[in-house]
Amino acid sequence: MNFKKKGELGYISFMKSFNLLVAIVLFVIAAVIFIIGMSIYDTKGNILTIVGALFIIPAARFMTVWFLFLPFKSAAKEQYDKVFSLMKQGNLLYTDVIFTSTEKAYGAMFLVLTGDKILAYVPKNCNKLQDYLADIIKRRAFDIKVTCTDDEKKFENFLKSADSYAEKVFEDEDERTGADKERARLMEVLESFMP
């Protein structure tokens, strides 16, 4: 099993498999410890029952993450290759993105960070994710526009007409350094909302 990072192709599939596997292993360990305790002490009220029950807590956590990822699917390799080929130099591509809020989880198949925009291809709940990201951006005082679409062709056109961060003109090196720091802070904020 190859570990995947947030925003990497196959991240959703990896997280589903990984969290389900770990949850099952922890549930099996809990059951085995409970059965051993029952066979040794002939009662549920023993120390091994408590130890077995302690394995249920992390198992439940891994199952919760599995349920979070369950409605979403990873982008196909062909889709990824097509989007990647349209990327301009210096722009950042996140794939298999999920954003969590207190009410709901939102998925974006692709999210591209250009010099002054966030462009996202969102198969479902496009407007809700756009509003959610715009609110995050506004509260953190970033000067960047958020555009989401549920139309793949429209998203490809957005990428073709997008500016390139690498070609962005700065007055001096200090301005470039400041922009790079602001961009890194934006990435950090976005990733903090991704499970």
Protein backbone atom coordinates (compact mmCIF):
# COMPACT_ATOMS: atom_id res chain seq x y z
CA MET A 1 0.00 0.00 0.00
CA ASN A 2 1.61 3.25 -1.16
CA PHE A 3 0.99 6.12 1.23
CA LYS A 4 -0.59 9.17 -0.41
CA LYS A 5 -0.47 12.76 0.78
CA LYS A 6 -3.31 15.29 0.79
CA GLY A 7 -3.96 16.55 -2.72
CA GLU A 8 -2.23 13.63 -4.42
CA LEU A 9 -3.91 11.45 -7.07
CA GLY A 10 -5.43 8.39 -5.38
CA TYR A 11 -5.59 9.98 -1.92
CA ILE A 12 -9.32 9.25 -1.44
CA SER A 13 -8.96 5.59 -2.47
CA PHE A 14 -5.93 5.22 -0.22
CA MET A 15 -7.70 6.77 2.78
CA LYS A 16 -10.72 4.52 2.31
CA SER A 17 -8.59 1.36 2.16
CA PHE A 18 -6.19 2.38 4.93
CA ASN A 19 -8.83 3.46 7.45
CA LEU A 20 -11.04 0.43 6.83
CA LEU A 21 -8.08 -1.97 7.18
CA VAL A 22 -6.85 -0.38 10.43
CA ALA A 23 -10.40 -0.33 11.87
CA ILE A 24 -10.93 -4.02 11.08
CA VAL A 25 -7.56 -4.97 12.61
CA LEU A 26 -8.36 -3.01 15.79
CA PHE A 27 -11.84 -4.56 16.06
CA VAL A 28 -10.33 -8.06 15.63
CA ILE A 29 -7.71 -7.36 18.31
CA ALA A 30 -10.45 -6.14 20.67
CA ALA A 31 -12.54 -9.26 20.01
CA VAL A 32 -9.58 -11.60 20.52
CA ILE A 33 -8.61 -9.94 23.82
CA PHE A 34 -12.24 -10.08 25.00
CA ILE A 35 -12.55 -13.78 24.09
CA ILE A 36 -9.26 -14.60 25.83
CA GLY A 37 -10.47 -12.76 28.94
CA MET A 38 -13.77 -14.63 28.89
CA SER A 39 -12.03 -18.01 28.51
CA ILE A 40 -9.55 -17.32 31.33
CA TYR A 41 -11.86 -15.65 33.88
CA ASP A 42 -15.32 -17.06 32.91
CA THR A 43 -16.84 -13.58 33.32
CA LYS A 44 -17.07 -10.34 31.37
CA GLY A 45 -15.90 -8.39 34.40
CA ASN A 46 -12.15 -8.81 33.98
CA ILE A 47 -9.13 -6.70 33.13
CA LEU A 48 -8.86 -8.08 29.57
CA THR A 49 -12.40 -6.88 28.81
CA ILE A 50 -11.27 -3.36 29.70
CA VAL A 51 -8.12 -3.69 27.59
CA GLY A 52 -10.18 -5.02 24.66
CA ALA A 53 -12.67 -2.18 25.01
CA LEU A 54 -9.83 0.34 24.80
CA PHE A 55 -9.10 -0.90 21.26
CA ILE A 56 -12.66 0.04 20.24
CA ILE A 57 -11.97 3.78 20.68
CA PRO A 58 -9.29 4.11 17.97
CA ALA A 59 -11.17 1.60 15.78
CA ALA A 60 -14.23 3.85 15.92
CA ARG A 61 -12.08 6.84 14.96
CA PHE A 62 -10.74 5.04 11.88
CA MET A 63 -14.28 3.94 10.94
CA THR A 64 -15.46 7.56 11.22
CA VAL A 65 -12.76 8.70 8.79
CA TRP A 66 -13.70 5.83 6.45
CA PHE A 67 -17.35 6.98 6.52
CA LEU A 68 -16.21 10.55 5.80
CA PHE A 69 -14.38 9.45 2.64
CA LEU A 70 -16.98 6.87 1.54
CA PRO A 71 -19.20 9.15 -0.63
CA PHE A 72 -16.21 10.47 -2.60
CA LYS A 73 -14.05 8.85 -5.26
CA SER A 74 -10.59 9.46 -6.61
CA ALA A 75 -10.06 11.06 -10.00
CA ALA A 76 -9.24 8.76 -12.89
CA LYS A 77 -5.64 8.75 -14.11
CA GLU A 78 -6.77 9.89 -17.58
CA GLN A 79 -8.60 12.90 -16.09
CA TYR A 80 -5.57 13.75 -13.98
CA ASP A 81 -3.20 13.54 -16.98
CA LYS A 82 -5.47 15.82 -19.00
CA VAL A 83 -5.72 18.43 -16.23
CA PHE A 84 -1.98 18.21 -15.51
CA SER A 85 -1.19 18.83 -19.19
CA LEU A 86 -3.21 22.08 -19.03
CA MET A 87 -1.38 23.39 -15.95
CA LYS A 88 0.62 26.57 -16.31
CA GLN A 89 4.09 26.81 -14.77
CA GLY A 90 4.06 27.73 -11.09
CA ASN A 91 0.41 26.86 -10.53
CA LEU A 92 -0.38 24.19 -7.94
CA LEU A 93 -2.67 21.22 -8.48
CA TYR A 94 -4.51 19.42 -5.69
CA THR A 95 -6.35 16.24 -6.63
CA ASP A 96 -8.87 14.17 -4.61
CA VAL A 97 -9.60 17.05 -2.25
CA ILE A 98 -12.12 16.93 0.57
CA PHE A 99 -12.90 19.94 2.74
CA THR A 100 -14.65 19.46 6.05
CA SER A 101 -16.91 21.92 7.80
CA THR A 102 -19.03 21.58 10.92
CA GLU A 103 -22.06 20.79 8.75
CA LYS A 104 -20.77 18.80 5.79
CA ALA A 105 -17.84 17.46 3.82
CA TYR A 106 -17.29 18.82 0.30
CA GLY A 107 -15.26 17.10 -2.37
CA ALA A 108 -13.38 18.59 -5.29
CA MET A 109 -11.88 16.35 -7.92
CA PHE A 110 -9.32 19.03 -8.83
CA LEU A 111 -8.32 22.30 -7.20
CA VAL A 112 -5.79 24.60 -8.86
CA LEU A 113 -4.09 27.53 -7.17
CA THR A 114 -2.99 30.14 -9.72
CA GLY A 115 -1.48 33.55 -9.05
CA ASP A 116 -4.76 35.17 -8.01
CA LYS A 117 -7.45 32.46 -8.18
CA ILE A 118 -8.53 29.13 -6.83
CA LEU A 119 -10.13 27.09 -9.62
CA ALA A 120 -11.99 23.91 -8.71
CA TYR A 121 -13.75 21.12 -10.55
CA VAL A 122 -16.47 19.89 -8.23
CA PRO A 123 -18.85 17.17 -9.50
CA LYS A 124 -21.39 17.76 -6.65
CA ASN A 125 -22.32 20.73 -4.43
CA CYS A 126 -20.29 23.13 -6.56
CA ASN A 127 -21.90 26.35 -5.31
CA LYS A 128 -21.78 25.27 -1.67
CA LEU A 129 -18.06 24.50 -1.87
CA GLN A 130 -17.42 27.80 -3.66
CA ASP A 131 -19.25 29.70 -0.91
CA TYR A 132 -17.44 27.73 1.79
CA LEU A 133 -13.98 28.36 0.30
CA ALA A 134 -14.80 32.03 -0.36
CA ASP A 135 -15.77 32.38 3.30
CA ILE A 136 -12.49 30.79 4.44
CA ILE A 137 -10.53 33.11 2.12
CA LYS A 138 -12.46 36.19 3.27
CA ARG A 139 -12.06 35.41 7.00
CA ARG A 140 -8.30 34.95 6.53
CA ALA A 141 -8.02 38.18 4.49
CA PHE A 142 -6.50 36.64 1.36
CA ASP A 143 -6.76 38.57 -1.91
CA ILE A 144 -7.81 35.66 -4.08
CA LYS A 145 -10.95 34.74 -6.02
CA VAL A 146 -12.63 31.32 -5.84
CA THR A 147 -14.27 29.80 -8.92
CA CYS A 148 -15.87 26.36 -8.89
CA THR A 149 -17.59 24.52 -11.70
CA ASP A 150 -19.28 21.15 -12.15
CA ASP A 151 -18.60 21.19 -15.91
CA GLU A 152 -15.34 19.46 -16.86
CA LYS A 153 -14.97 21.32 -20.18
CA LYS A 154 -15.54 24.66 -18.48
CA PHE A 155 -12.88 23.77 -15.90
CA GLU A 156 -10.44 22.92 -18.70
CA ASN A 157 -11.16 26.31 -20.30
CA PHE A 158 -10.51 28.00 -16.95
CA LEU A 159 -7.11 26.29 -16.82
CA LYS A 160 -6.25 27.30 -20.38
CA SER A 161 -7.03 30.95 -19.69
CA ALA A 162 -5.57 31.03 -16.15
CA ASP A 163 -2.55 33.15 -15.34
CA SER A 164 0.75 31.55 -14.41
CA TYR A 165 2.17 32.16 -10.96
CA ALA A 166 5.69 31.64 -12.32
CA GLU A 167 5.19 34.45 -14.86
CA LYS A 168 3.73 36.89 -12.34
CA VAL A 169 5.66 40.17 -12.37
CA PHE A 170 6.87 41.67 -9.09
CA GLU A 171 8.48 45.07 -8.51
CA ASP A 172 11.36 43.63 -6.51
CA GLU A 173 12.58 40.53 -4.69
CA ASP A 174 10.92 41.58 -1.42
CA GLU A 175 7.51 41.69 -3.10
CA ARG A 176 8.11 38.21 -4.58
CA THR A 177 9.19 36.86 -1.19
CA GLY A 178 6.07 38.35 0.42
CA ALA A 179 3.86 36.81 -2.27
CA ASP A 180 5.54 33.42 -1.83
CA LYS A 181 4.99 33.57 1.94
CA GLU A 182 1.34 34.55 1.46
CA ARG A 183 0.87 31.67 -1.00
CA ALA A 184 2.45 29.22 1.47
CA ARG A 185 0.13 30.52 4.20
CA LEU A 186 -2.88 30.05 1.88
CA MET A 187 -1.81 26.46 1.15
CA GLU A 188 -1.42 25.82 4.86
CA VAL A 189 -4.92 27.20 5.56
CA LEU A 190 -6.50 25.15 2.77
CA GLU A 191 -4.76 21.96 3.88
CA SER A 192 -5.90 22.52 7.46
CA PHE A 193 -9.50 22.03 6.27
CA MET A 194 -8.62 18.77 4.47
CA PRO A 195 -8.83 15.51 6.45
